[in-house]
Amino acid sequence: MELTGKQKRHLRGLAHHLHPTVYAGKEGVSEAVERKATQELEAHELIKLKLGDGCADDKKEAAERVAAYCNAAVVQIIGKTIILYRRRKADPAIVLP
C-alpha cells in the first residue's frame, strides 16, 4: 500500500495524540507482535508500534516486516516508534485526502 505525501501528512496529524498499542521487546518483531499489530489495525486503522530499548532489530527493517505481514503502510518512523496505517474493509473511520 502506497500513500502520497499529503496522505502521510494527514495521518501523522491524526497519530500525534495516539499512544503505542503494540510493543516489541528484546525478542524483536516476533510473530506474536505481527498478529497483535494486525488485530489493532483492524480495530483502529492507525496505530503506533514501539520498539523497546532492548530490541536489537533495525527499526526500518522491523517497520517493513510488520507492514508487509499486515498489508499496511508505514506512515512514519520516529525514534523507535513506528506509525502504521491500513484501511478497514468494513466501515472505515479514516477518510484520506
Protein backbone atom coordinates (compact mmCIF):
# COMPACT_ATOMS: atom_id res chain seq x y z
CA MET A 1 0.00 0.00 0.00
CA GLU A 2 1.48 3.32 -1.07
CA LEU A 3 0.49 6.68 0.37
CA THR A 4 1.04 10.14 -1.09
CA GLY A 5 2.85 12.82 0.86
CA LYS A 6 -0.41 14.62 1.58
CA GLN A 7 -2.00 11.43 2.92
CA LYS A 8 1.02 10.72 5.13
CA ARG A 9 0.92 14.27 6.49
CA HIS A 10 -2.78 13.86 7.31
CA LEU A 11 -2.18 10.52 9.06
CA ARG A 12 0.77 11.90 11.04
CA GLY A 13 -1.53 14.60 12.36
CA LEU A 14 -4.12 12.02 13.40
CA ALA A 15 -1.48 9.81 15.02
CA HIS A 16 0.12 12.60 17.04
CA HIS A 17 -2.06 12.05 20.12
CA LEU A 18 -2.06 8.24 19.95
CA HIS A 19 -0.18 6.08 22.43
CA PRO A 20 1.61 2.91 21.26
CA THR A 21 -0.70 -0.11 21.32
CA VAL A 22 1.85 -2.71 20.19
CA TYR A 23 5.24 -3.24 21.84
CA ALA A 24 8.23 -5.26 20.63
CA GLY A 25 10.58 -6.29 23.42
CA LYS A 26 14.06 -7.73 23.47
CA GLU A 27 12.97 -10.61 21.22
CA GLY A 28 12.28 -8.07 18.49
CA VAL A 29 9.45 -8.27 16.00
CA SER A 30 8.07 -11.76 16.52
CA GLU A 31 5.06 -13.49 15.05
CA ALA A 32 3.05 -12.53 18.14
CA VAL A 33 3.87 -8.84 17.56
CA GLU A 34 2.80 -9.15 13.93
CA ARG A 35 -0.52 -10.80 14.91
CA LYS A 36 -1.18 -8.13 17.56
CA ALA A 37 -0.46 -5.37 15.02
CA THR A 38 -2.92 -6.96 12.58
CA GLN A 39 -5.64 -7.07 15.27
CA GLU A 40 -5.02 -3.46 16.28
CA LEU A 41 -5.06 -2.26 12.67
CA GLU A 42 -8.40 -3.97 12.11
CA ALA A 43 -9.79 -2.26 15.20
CA HIS A 44 -8.24 1.21 14.81
CA GLU A 45 -6.80 1.58 11.25
CA LEU A 46 -3.96 3.78 12.55
CA ILE A 47 -1.59 2.52 15.25
CA LYS A 48 1.76 3.15 16.85
CA LEU A 49 4.21 0.30 17.40
CA LYS A 50 7.03 0.85 19.91
CA LEU A 51 10.34 -0.98 19.75
CA GLY A 52 11.72 -1.50 23.25
CA ASP A 53 15.16 -0.36 24.38
CA GLY A 54 16.42 -3.95 24.35
CA CYS A 55 15.14 -4.60 20.83
CA ALA A 56 18.05 -5.46 18.54
CA ASP A 57 16.02 -5.22 15.30
CA ASP A 58 16.74 -2.39 12.89
CA LYS A 59 13.78 -0.01 13.02
CA LYS A 60 13.41 0.28 9.24
CA GLU A 61 13.57 -3.47 8.71
CA ALA A 62 11.14 -4.05 11.57
CA ALA A 63 8.70 -1.49 10.14
CA GLU A 64 8.81 -3.06 6.68
CA ARG A 65 8.42 -6.57 8.09
CA VAL A 66 5.34 -5.70 10.14
CA ALA A 67 3.84 -3.63 7.32
CA ALA A 68 4.31 -6.49 4.84
CA TYR A 69 2.79 -9.02 7.23
CA CYS A 70 -0.22 -6.77 7.97
CA ASN A 71 -0.59 -5.47 4.42
CA ALA A 72 -0.26 -1.96 5.86
CA ALA A 73 1.62 1.22 5.03
CA VAL A 74 4.41 2.72 7.09
CA VAL A 75 3.38 6.32 7.70
CA GLN A 76 6.41 7.40 9.71
CA ILE A 77 9.28 6.18 11.88
CA ILE A 78 10.23 8.47 14.76
CA GLY A 79 12.98 7.16 17.00
CA LYS A 80 11.80 3.68 17.96
CA THR A 81 8.13 4.40 17.27
CA ILE A 82 6.53 3.21 14.04
CA ILE A 83 3.21 4.55 12.76
CA LEU A 84 1.22 2.10 10.60
CA TYR A 85 -1.99 2.55 8.62
CA ARG A 86 -4.33 0.07 6.97
CA ARG A 87 -7.80 0.90 5.80
CA ARG A 88 -10.50 -1.19 7.45
CA LYS A 89 -12.52 -3.28 4.98
CA ALA A 90 -15.86 -2.75 6.71
CA ASP A 91 -16.84 0.74 7.84
CA PRO A 92 -13.55 2.68 7.52
CA ALA A 93 -13.24 5.50 10.06
CA ILE A 94 -10.41 7.49 8.46
CA VAL A 95 -11.00 9.35 5.20
CA LEU A 96 -7.81 10.11 3.32
CA PRO A 97 -7.46 13.33 1.31
